[in-house]
Amino acid sequence: MRVRMHNNFIQSRARRVLQKSVLLMMPFVVFFLTACDSKMVYEKNKKMDEATWNSTDIVKFNVAIPDTVTGYNYYINIRNTTDYGFANLFMFVKTVYPDGKISVDTVECYLADIQGRWLGKGQGRIIDNRILFRKSVRFPQAGVYSFEYEQGMRVNQLYGIEDIGIRIEKSE
């Protein structure tokens, strides 16, 4: 009887130590899994104050592009809430090249289908969208590019936009 109680105590203690070890290791595992994204060159998201994108707010990213030979995929990241009142988002995307030249594109990002179902991924009230803007693009100059986003929805305050971001990765 005494031996069995002692074995149960040891098994219980070993189980608790293992559970604590797993909990302590989990953040490191998540970090290494996300850090091993070998294709990613740059990714950053900027939080919008009070989940509102004002028409005067310009979101800017400075990205170092190392070469002109590699093809890159350029994504626009949008995190919206289910309170967002539109199925799409129009944006003006301004690119300032390392030599100072500028190009501006008008981009329509679809966030919901015609039935009103959100197209991105998410649970609850937050929806994450990664929208391919340019596929296998080759940047004509190596150096630092500036990408500026401005909302173009014809409303001064666009409610329901949590974050706006950019991702540039090497294409395959």
N, C-alpha and C. Protein backbone atom coordinates (compact mmCIF):
# COMPACT_ATOMS: atom_id res chain seq x y z
N MET A 1 0.82 -1.19 0.00
CA MET A 1 0.00 0.00 0.00
C MET A 1 0.87 1.26 0.00
N ARG A 2 1.89 1.24 0.85
CA ARG A 2 2.77 2.40 0.96
C ARG A 2 3.55 2.63 -0.34
N VAL A 3 3.98 1.56 -0.99
CA VAL A 3 4.72 1.66 -2.26
C VAL A 3 3.83 2.23 -3.35
N ARG A 4 2.58 1.77 -3.40
CA ARG A 4 1.66 2.26 -4.43
C ARG A 4 1.38 3.75 -4.24
N MET A 5 1.20 4.19 -3.02
CA MET A 5 0.98 5.62 -2.75
C MET A 5 2.21 6.43 -3.17
N HIS A 6 3.39 5.90 -2.87
CA HIS A 6 4.62 6.57 -3.24
C HIS A 6 4.75 6.67 -4.77
N ASN A 7 4.42 5.59 -5.48
CA ASN A 7 4.45 5.60 -6.95
C ASN A 7 3.45 6.61 -7.51
N ASN A 8 2.25 6.67 -6.95
CA ASN A 8 1.24 7.64 -7.39
C ASN A 8 1.74 9.06 -7.18
N PHE A 9 2.38 9.29 -6.05
CA PHE A 9 2.92 10.62 -5.75
C PHE A 9 3.99 11.00 -6.78
N ILE A 10 4.88 10.06 -7.09
CA ILE A 10 5.95 10.33 -8.06
C ILE A 10 5.37 10.57 -9.44
N GLN A 11 4.39 9.76 -9.85
CA GLN A 11 3.76 9.95 -11.16
C GLN A 11 3.04 11.29 -11.23
N SER A 12 2.34 11.65 -10.17
CA SER A 12 1.63 12.92 -10.13
C SER A 12 2.61 14.09 -10.23
N ARG A 13 3.70 14.00 -9.48
CA ARG A 13 4.71 15.06 -9.50
C ARG A 13 5.36 15.15 -10.88
N ALA A 14 5.68 14.01 -11.48
CA ALA A 14 6.29 14.00 -12.81
C ALA A 14 5.34 14.61 -13.85
N ARG A 15 4.05 14.31 -13.71
CA ARG A 15 3.06 14.86 -14.63
C ARG A 15 3.00 16.39 -14.51
N ARG A 16 3.04 16.91 -13.29
CA ARG A 16 3.01 18.37 -13.07
C ARG A 16 4.26 19.03 -13.64
N VAL A 17 5.41 18.41 -13.43
CA VAL A 17 6.66 18.96 -13.97
C VAL A 17 6.60 18.99 -15.49
N LEU A 18 6.10 17.94 -16.10
CA LEU A 18 5.98 17.87 -17.56
C LEU A 18 5.01 18.95 -18.07
N GLN A 19 3.89 19.13 -17.41
CA GLN A 19 2.92 20.16 -17.82
C GLN A 19 3.54 21.55 -17.73
N LYS A 20 4.26 21.82 -16.65
CA LYS A 20 4.91 23.13 -16.51
C LYS A 20 5.97 23.32 -17.59
N SER A 21 6.71 22.27 -17.89
CA SER A 21 7.74 22.35 -18.93
C SER A 21 7.12 22.67 -20.28
N VAL A 22 6.01 22.02 -20.59
CA VAL A 22 5.33 22.27 -21.86
C VAL A 22 4.84 23.71 -21.92
N LEU A 23 4.26 24.21 -20.82
CA LEU A 23 3.78 25.59 -20.79
C LEU A 23 4.92 26.59 -20.94
N LEU A 24 6.05 26.30 -20.33
CA LEU A 24 7.20 27.20 -20.45
C LEU A 24 7.81 27.17 -21.84
N MET A 25 7.76 26.03 -22.52
CA MET A 25 8.36 25.89 -23.84
C MET A 25 7.47 26.43 -24.96
N MET A 26 6.16 26.53 -24.72
CA MET A 26 5.22 26.92 -25.76
C MET A 26 5.58 28.26 -26.42
N PRO A 27 5.88 29.34 -25.67
CA PRO A 27 6.24 30.59 -26.35
C PRO A 27 7.45 30.46 -27.26
N PHE A 28 8.43 29.64 -26.86
CA PHE A 28 9.63 29.45 -27.68
C PHE A 28 9.29 28.69 -28.96
N VAL A 29 8.43 27.70 -28.86
CA VAL A 29 8.01 26.94 -30.04
C VAL A 29 7.28 27.85 -31.02
N VAL A 30 6.36 28.66 -30.51
CA VAL A 30 5.61 29.59 -31.37
C VAL A 30 6.58 30.57 -32.03
N PHE A 31 7.53 31.11 -31.25
CA PHE A 31 8.50 32.06 -31.81
C PHE A 31 9.30 31.43 -32.94
N PHE A 32 9.82 30.23 -32.71
CA PHE A 32 10.64 29.59 -33.73
C PHE A 32 9.84 29.20 -34.96
N LEU A 33 8.60 28.82 -34.79
CA LEU A 33 7.77 28.48 -35.95
C LEU A 33 7.48 29.71 -36.79
N THR A 34 7.24 30.84 -36.15
CA THR A 34 6.96 32.06 -36.91
C THR A 34 8.23 32.71 -37.42
N ALA A 35 9.35 32.54 -36.72
CA ALA A 35 10.61 33.14 -37.13
C ALA A 35 11.25 32.39 -38.29
N CYS A 36 10.80 31.19 -38.58
CA CYS A 36 11.39 30.38 -39.63
C CYS A 36 10.74 30.63 -40.98
N ASP A 37 10.15 31.77 -41.18
CA ASP A 37 9.52 32.12 -42.44
C ASP A 37 10.62 32.65 -43.36
N SER A 38 11.28 31.75 -44.07
CA SER A 38 12.45 32.11 -44.86
C SER A 38 12.11 32.98 -46.07
N LYS A 39 10.87 32.98 -46.52
CA LYS A 39 10.49 33.79 -47.68
C LYS A 39 10.26 35.26 -47.31
N MET A 40 9.91 35.52 -46.05
CA MET A 40 9.53 36.87 -45.65
C MET A 40 10.73 37.81 -45.64
N VAL A 41 10.57 38.95 -46.32
CA VAL A 41 11.60 39.99 -46.35
C VAL A 41 11.23 41.08 -45.36
N TYR A 42 9.94 41.45 -45.32
CA TYR A 42 9.48 42.52 -44.43
C TYR A 42 8.00 42.32 -44.16
N GLU A 43 7.61 42.50 -42.91
CA GLU A 43 6.19 42.51 -42.55
C GLU A 43 6.00 43.39 -41.34
N LYS A 44 5.06 44.31 -41.45
CA LYS A 44 4.74 45.18 -40.33
C LYS A 44 3.29 45.62 -40.46
N ASN A 45 2.63 45.69 -39.32
CA ASN A 45 1.25 46.18 -39.26
C ASN A 45 1.20 47.35 -38.29
N LYS A 46 0.40 48.34 -38.64
CA LYS A 46 0.24 49.51 -37.76
C LYS A 46 -1.20 49.57 -37.27
N LYS A 47 -1.33 49.73 -35.97
CA LYS A 47 -2.63 49.78 -35.32
C LYS A 47 -3.27 51.15 -35.54
N MET A 48 -4.56 51.14 -35.85
CA MET A 48 -5.31 52.38 -36.04
C MET A 48 -5.95 52.77 -34.70
N ASP A 49 -5.83 54.02 -34.34
CA ASP A 49 -6.42 54.50 -33.09
C ASP A 49 -7.92 54.28 -33.09
N GLU A 50 -8.42 53.63 -32.05
CA GLU A 50 -9.84 53.38 -31.85
C GLU A 50 -10.48 52.67 -33.05
N ALA A 51 -9.72 51.84 -33.74
CA ALA A 51 -10.19 51.07 -34.90
C ALA A 51 -10.85 51.96 -35.94
N THR A 52 -10.26 53.14 -36.14
CA THR A 52 -10.79 54.11 -37.09
C THR A 52 -9.67 54.63 -37.97
N TRP A 53 -9.87 54.55 -39.29
CA TRP A 53 -8.90 55.09 -40.23
C TRP A 53 -9.46 56.39 -40.78
N ASN A 54 -8.87 57.50 -40.34
CA ASN A 54 -9.30 58.82 -40.80
C ASN A 54 -8.77 59.10 -42.19
N SER A 55 -9.50 59.89 -42.94
CA SER A 55 -9.10 60.18 -44.32
C SER A 55 -7.79 60.96 -44.37
N THR A 56 -7.40 61.61 -43.28
CA THR A 56 -6.15 62.38 -43.25
C THR A 56 -4.96 61.54 -42.78
N ASP A 57 -5.21 60.30 -42.30
CA ASP A 57 -4.14 59.45 -41.79
C ASP A 57 -3.46 58.71 -42.94
N ILE A 58 -2.16 58.89 -43.04
CA ILE A 58 -1.37 58.17 -44.04
C ILE A 58 -0.49 57.17 -43.28
N VAL A 59 -0.60 55.91 -43.67
CA VAL A 59 0.17 54.84 -43.04
C VAL A 59 1.39 54.59 -43.92
N LYS A 60 2.58 54.69 -43.32
CA LYS A 60 3.82 54.66 -44.09
C LYS A 60 4.74 53.54 -43.61
N PHE A 61 5.35 52.87 -44.58
CA PHE A 61 6.32 51.80 -44.31
C PHE A 61 7.56 52.04 -45.16
N ASN A 62 8.73 51.95 -44.55
CA ASN A 62 10.00 52.04 -45.27
C ASN A 62 10.59 50.64 -45.32
N VAL A 63 10.83 50.16 -46.55
CA VAL A 63 11.26 48.78 -46.75
C VAL A 63 12.54 48.76 -47.57
N ALA A 64 13.55 48.07 -47.05
CA ALA A 64 14.81 47.90 -47.79
C ALA A 64 14.65 46.71 -48.72
N ILE A 65 14.78 46.96 -50.01
CA ILE A 65 14.74 45.90 -51.03
C ILE A 65 16.19 45.65 -51.45
N PRO A 66 16.70 44.45 -51.19
CA PRO A 66 18.13 44.21 -51.38
C PRO A 66 18.61 44.08 -52.82
N ASP A 67 17.75 43.65 -53.74
CA ASP A 67 18.26 43.45 -55.11
C ASP A 67 17.15 43.64 -56.14
N THR A 68 17.58 43.64 -57.40
CA THR A 68 16.64 43.86 -58.51
C THR A 68 16.38 42.59 -59.30
N VAL A 69 16.98 41.49 -58.90
CA VAL A 69 16.85 40.24 -59.64
C VAL A 69 15.73 39.37 -59.07
N THR A 70 15.61 39.35 -57.76
CA THR A 70 14.63 38.50 -57.08
C THR A 70 13.21 39.00 -57.33
N GLY A 71 12.29 38.07 -57.53
CA GLY A 71 10.88 38.40 -57.63
C GLY A 71 10.26 38.40 -56.23
N TYR A 72 9.37 39.33 -55.98
CA TYR A 72 8.74 39.46 -54.67
C TYR A 72 7.22 39.45 -54.80
N ASN A 73 6.57 38.90 -53.81
CA ASN A 73 5.12 39.03 -53.67
C ASN A 73 4.86 40.13 -52.64
N TYR A 74 3.98 41.03 -52.99
CA TYR A 74 3.67 42.20 -52.16
C TYR A 74 2.22 42.08 -51.72
N TYR A 75 2.02 42.01 -50.41
CA TYR A 75 0.68 41.85 -49.84
C TYR A 75 0.30 43.10 -49.04
N ILE A 76 -0.99 43.37 -49.02
CA ILE A 76 -1.56 44.39 -48.13
C ILE A 76 -2.29 43.63 -47.03
N ASN A 77 -1.93 43.91 -45.78
CA ASN A 77 -2.57 43.29 -44.63
C ASN A 77 -3.64 44.23 -44.08
N ILE A 78 -4.83 43.69 -43.88
CA ILE A 78 -5.93 44.47 -43.31
C ILE A 78 -6.56 43.64 -42.21
N ARG A 79 -6.66 44.21 -41.03
CA ARG A 79 -7.38 43.57 -39.93
C ARG A 79 -8.59 44.46 -39.64
N ASN A 80 -9.77 43.90 -39.91
CA ASN A 80 -11.00 44.65 -39.68
C ASN A 80 -11.86 43.94 -38.64
N THR A 81 -12.81 44.67 -38.11
CA THR A 81 -13.77 44.08 -37.18
C THR A 81 -15.03 43.73 -37.96
N THR A 82 -15.88 42.93 -37.34
CA THR A 82 -17.16 42.60 -37.98
C THR A 82 -18.11 43.79 -37.97
N ASP A 83 -17.71 44.88 -37.31
CA ASP A 83 -18.50 46.13 -37.34
C ASP A 83 -18.20 46.97 -38.58
N TYR A 84 -17.19 46.58 -39.35
CA TYR A 84 -16.85 47.33 -40.55
C TYR A 84 -18.06 47.34 -41.48
N GLY A 85 -18.43 48.50 -41.97
CA GLY A 85 -19.70 48.66 -42.68
C GLY A 85 -19.69 48.46 -44.18
N PHE A 86 -18.59 48.00 -44.74
CA PHE A 86 -18.48 47.85 -46.18
C PHE A 86 -17.96 46.45 -46.53
N ALA A 87 -18.16 46.05 -47.79
CA ALA A 87 -17.64 44.77 -48.27
C ALA A 87 -16.25 44.92 -48.87
N ASN A 88 -15.83 46.16 -49.09
CA ASN A 88 -14.54 46.41 -49.72
C ASN A 88 -13.84 47.57 -49.04
N LEU A 89 -12.64 47.83 -49.48
CA LEU A 89 -11.86 48.97 -48.98
C LEU A 89 -11.05 49.51 -50.15
N PHE A 90 -11.30 50.77 -50.51
CA PHE A 90 -10.49 51.43 -51.53
C PHE A 90 -9.34 52.14 -50.83
N MET A 91 -8.15 51.99 -51.42
CA MET A 91 -6.94 52.62 -50.89
C MET A 91 -6.14 53.24 -52.02
N PHE A 92 -5.40 54.28 -51.66
CA PHE A 92 -4.40 54.84 -52.56
C PHE A 92 -3.05 54.36 -52.03
N VAL A 93 -2.30 53.68 -52.90
CA VAL A 93 -0.99 53.15 -52.51
C VAL A 93 0.07 53.94 -53.27
N LYS A 94 0.84 54.70 -52.52
CA LYS A 94 1.90 55.53 -53.09
C LYS A 94 3.23 54.83 -52.84
N THR A 95 4.01 54.67 -53.89
CA THR A 95 5.34 54.07 -53.79
C THR A 95 6.37 55.14 -54.12
N VAL A 96 7.29 55.37 -53.21
CA VAL A 96 8.40 56.29 -53.45
C VAL A 96 9.65 55.43 -53.61
N TYR A 97 10.25 55.49 -54.79
CA TYR A 97 11.42 54.69 -55.13
C TYR A 97 12.68 55.29 -54.49
N PRO A 98 13.75 54.49 -54.40
CA PRO A 98 14.99 55.01 -53.80
C PRO A 98 15.52 56.27 -54.49
N ASP A 99 15.27 56.44 -55.79
CA ASP A 99 15.74 57.64 -56.49
C ASP A 99 14.77 58.82 -56.40
N GLY A 100 13.65 58.65 -55.66
CA GLY A 100 12.70 59.74 -55.46
C GLY A 100 11.49 59.72 -56.39
N LYS A 101 11.51 58.88 -57.42
CA LYS A 101 10.35 58.78 -58.31
C LYS A 101 9.17 58.24 -57.54
N ILE A 102 7.97 58.59 -57.99
CA ILE A 102 6.75 58.23 -57.27
C ILE A 102 5.75 57.59 -58.22
N SER A 103 5.07 56.55 -57.74
CA SER A 103 3.92 56.00 -58.47
C SER A 103 2.77 55.87 -57.47
N VAL A 104 1.54 56.04 -57.98
CA VAL A 104 0.36 55.94 -57.13
C VAL A 104 -0.64 55.00 -57.80
N ASP A 105 -1.16 54.06 -57.02
CA ASP A 105 -2.16 53.12 -57.50
C ASP A 105 -3.42 53.25 -56.65
N THR A 106 -4.57 53.07 -57.28
CA THR A 106 -5.83 52.95 -56.56
C THR A 106 -6.14 51.47 -56.48
N VAL A 107 -6.36 50.98 -55.27
CA VAL A 107 -6.53 49.54 -55.04
C VAL A 107 -7.87 49.31 -54.35
N GLU A 108 -8.61 48.33 -54.86
CA GLU A 108 -9.84 47.90 -54.19
C GLU A 108 -9.56 46.54 -53.54
N CYS A 109 -9.73 46.48 -52.24
CA CYS A 109 -9.53 45.24 -51.48
C CYS A 109 -10.90 44.70 -51.09
N TYR A 110 -11.19 43.47 -51.51
CA TYR A 110 -12.46 42.84 -51.17
C TYR A 110 -12.32 42.17 -49.80
N LEU A 111 -13.21 42.54 -48.88
CA LEU A 111 -13.17 42.00 -47.52
C LEU A 111 -14.34 41.06 -47.24
N ALA A 112 -15.40 41.15 -48.05
CA ALA A 112 -16.57 40.28 -47.88
C ALA A 112 -17.11 39.90 -49.26
N ASP A 113 -17.80 38.75 -49.33
CA ASP A 113 -18.40 38.34 -50.60
C ASP A 113 -19.77 39.01 -50.75
N ILE A 114 -20.48 38.71 -51.84
CA ILE A 114 -21.75 39.40 -52.10
C ILE A 114 -22.86 38.99 -51.13
N GLN A 115 -22.66 37.87 -50.41
CA GLN A 115 -23.61 37.48 -49.37
C GLN A 115 -23.27 38.12 -48.02
N GLY A 116 -22.17 38.85 -47.96
CA GLY A 116 -21.78 39.51 -46.73
C GLY A 116 -20.89 38.68 -45.82
N ARG A 117 -20.42 37.53 -46.30
CA ARG A 117 -19.51 36.69 -45.51
C ARG A 117 -18.09 37.23 -45.64
N TRP A 118 -17.41 37.35 -44.50
CA TRP A 118 -16.04 37.86 -44.50
C TRP A 118 -15.11 36.88 -45.21
N LEU A 119 -14.19 37.42 -46.00
CA LEU A 119 -13.27 36.59 -46.79
C LEU A 119 -12.00 36.22 -46.04
N GLY A 120 -11.62 36.99 -45.06
CA GLY A 120 -10.39 36.75 -44.33
C GLY A 120 -10.54 35.64 -43.30
N LYS A 121 -9.51 35.49 -42.51
CA LYS A 121 -9.50 34.47 -41.46
C LYS A 121 -9.69 35.15 -40.12
N GLY A 122 -10.35 34.46 -39.22
CA GLY A 122 -10.50 35.01 -37.89
C GLY A 122 -11.56 34.31 -37.10
N GLN A 123 -11.53 34.61 -35.83
CA GLN A 123 -12.54 34.09 -34.92
C GLN A 123 -13.10 35.27 -34.15
N GLY A 124 -14.36 35.19 -33.83
CA GLY A 124 -14.95 36.30 -33.10
C GLY A 124 -15.17 37.49 -34.01
N ARG A 125 -14.83 38.65 -33.51
CA ARG A 125 -15.13 39.87 -34.26
C ARG A 125 -13.95 40.45 -35.04
N ILE A 126 -12.79 39.80 -35.03
CA ILE A 126 -11.61 40.30 -35.74
C ILE A 126 -11.33 39.41 -36.95
N ILE A 127 -11.18 40.04 -38.12
CA ILE A 127 -10.93 39.34 -39.37
C ILE A 127 -9.57 39.79 -39.93
N ASP A 128 -8.69 38.84 -40.21
CA ASP A 128 -7.38 39.12 -40.80
C ASP A 128 -7.40 38.83 -42.29
N ASN A 129 -6.95 39.79 -43.07
CA ASN A 129 -6.89 39.65 -44.52
C ASN A 129 -5.46 39.89 -44.99
N ARG A 130 -4.96 39.02 -45.83
CA ARG A 130 -3.68 39.22 -46.51
C ARG A 130 -4.02 39.19 -47.99
N ILE A 131 -3.95 40.37 -48.61
CA ILE A 131 -4.41 40.53 -49.99
C ILE A 131 -3.19 40.71 -50.90
N LEU A 132 -3.08 39.83 -51.88
CA LEU A 132 -1.97 39.91 -52.83
C LEU A 132 -2.16 41.14 -53.72
N PHE A 133 -1.22 42.07 -53.63
CA PHE A 133 -1.27 43.29 -54.43
C PHE A 133 -0.43 43.16 -55.70
N ARG A 134 0.76 42.63 -55.58
CA ARG A 134 1.64 42.39 -56.74
C ARG A 134 2.28 41.02 -56.58
N LYS A 135 2.26 40.24 -57.66
CA LYS A 135 2.85 38.91 -57.63
C LYS A 135 4.12 38.89 -58.46
N SER A 136 5.17 38.32 -57.90
CA SER A 136 6.47 38.16 -58.58
C SER A 136 6.98 39.47 -59.18
N VAL A 137 6.79 40.55 -58.46
CA VAL A 137 7.25 41.86 -58.93
C VAL A 137 8.76 41.96 -58.70
N ARG A 138 9.44 42.57 -59.66
CA ARG A 138 10.86 42.86 -59.51
C ARG A 138 10.99 44.37 -59.34
N PHE A 139 11.58 44.76 -58.24
CA PHE A 139 11.76 46.18 -57.99
C PHE A 139 12.93 46.68 -58.84
N PRO A 140 12.77 47.79 -59.54
CA PRO A 140 13.79 48.22 -60.50
C PRO A 140 15.07 48.78 -59.88
N GLN A 141 15.04 49.11 -58.58
CA GLN A 141 16.22 49.66 -57.92
C GLN A 141 16.39 48.98 -56.56
N ALA A 142 17.61 48.72 -56.20
CA ALA A 142 17.88 48.25 -54.84
C ALA A 142 17.93 49.48 -53.94
N GLY A 143 17.45 49.33 -52.72
CA GLY A 143 17.46 50.45 -51.79
C GLY A 143 16.19 50.48 -50.96
N VAL A 144 15.97 51.62 -50.30
CA VAL A 144 14.82 51.76 -49.41
C VAL A 144 13.65 52.38 -50.18
N TYR A 145 12.54 51.65 -50.18
CA TYR A 145 11.29 52.10 -50.78
C TYR A 145 10.38 52.57 -49.67
N SER A 146 9.58 53.59 -49.96
CA SER A 146 8.57 54.04 -49.02
C SER A 146 7.20 53.70 -49.62
N PHE A 147 6.38 52.99 -48.83
CA PHE A 147 5.03 52.64 -49.25
C PHE A 147 4.06 53.38 -48.34
N GLU A 148 3.17 54.16 -48.94
CA GLU A 148 2.22 54.96 -48.16
C GLU A 148 0.80 54.58 -48.54
N TYR A 149 -0.01 54.31 -47.52
CA TYR A 149 -1.41 53.93 -47.73
C TYR A 149 -2.31 55.04 -47.22
N GLU A 150 -3.32 55.34 -48.04
CA GLU A 150 -4.34 56.33 -47.66
C GLU A 150 -5.69 55.72 -48.00
N GLN A 151 -6.62 55.78 -47.06
CA GLN A 151 -7.94 55.21 -47.35
C GLN A 151 -8.67 56.12 -48.34
N GLY A 152 -9.40 55.50 -49.26
CA GLY A 152 -10.10 56.23 -50.31
C GLY A 152 -11.59 55.90 -50.36
N MET A 153 -12.23 55.82 -49.21
CA MET A 153 -13.63 55.37 -49.14
C MET A 153 -14.65 56.50 -49.15
N ARG A 154 -14.24 57.73 -49.30
CA ARG A 154 -15.16 58.88 -49.35
C ARG A 154 -15.93 59.11 -48.05
N VAL A 155 -15.38 58.63 -46.97
CA VAL A 155 -15.89 58.96 -45.64
C VAL A 155 -14.69 59.43 -44.83
N ASN A 156 -14.91 60.41 -43.98
CA ASN A 156 -13.79 60.96 -43.21
C ASN A 156 -13.27 59.99 -42.16
N GLN A 157 -14.17 59.26 -41.52
CA GLN A 157 -13.77 58.31 -40.50
C GLN A 157 -14.28 56.93 -40.88
N LEU A 158 -13.35 56.04 -41.14
CA LEU A 158 -13.68 54.68 -41.56
C LEU A 158 -13.58 53.77 -40.34
N TYR A 159 -14.74 53.45 -39.76
CA TYR A 159 -14.78 52.65 -38.54
C TYR A 159 -14.63 51.16 -38.84
N GLY A 160 -13.99 50.45 -37.93
CA GLY A 160 -13.87 49.00 -38.06
C GLY A 160 -12.57 48.52 -38.66
N ILE A 161 -11.60 49.42 -38.86
CA ILE A 161 -10.28 49.02 -39.35
C ILE A 161 -9.32 49.04 -38.17
N GLU A 162 -8.87 47.86 -37.75
CA GLU A 162 -7.99 47.72 -36.59
C GLU A 162 -6.53 47.99 -36.94
N ASP A 163 -6.06 47.35 -38.02
CA ASP A 163 -4.65 47.44 -38.41
C ASP A 163 -4.55 47.49 -39.93
N ILE A 164 -3.49 48.16 -40.39
CA ILE A 164 -3.13 48.18 -41.80
C ILE A 164 -1.67 47.80 -41.88
N GLY A 165 -1.32 46.94 -42.83
CA GLY A 165 0.06 46.51 -42.90
C GLY A 165 0.52 46.11 -44.27
N ILE A 166 1.76 45.70 -44.31
CA ILE A 166 2.42 45.32 -45.56
C ILE A 166 3.23 44.05 -45.29
N ARG A 167 3.30 43.22 -46.29
CA ARG A 167 4.18 42.04 -46.25
C ARG A 167 4.82 41.91 -47.62
N ILE A 168 6.14 41.79 -47.60
CA ILE A 168 6.88 41.54 -48.84
C ILE A 168 7.69 40.27 -48.61
N GLU A 169 7.53 39.32 -49.53
CA GLU A 169 8.22 38.06 -49.41
C GLU A 169 8.79 37.66 -50.76
N LYS A 170 9.80 36.81 -50.73
CA LYS A 170 10.38 36.30 -51.97
C LYS A 170 9.37 35.37 -52.62
N SER A 171 9.18 35.55 -53.93
CA SER A 171 8.28 34.64 -54.63
C SER A 171 9.06 33.40 -55.03
N GLU A 172 8.32 32.35 -55.32
CA GLU A 172 8.98 31.08 -55.67
C GLU A 172 9.14 30.95 -57.16
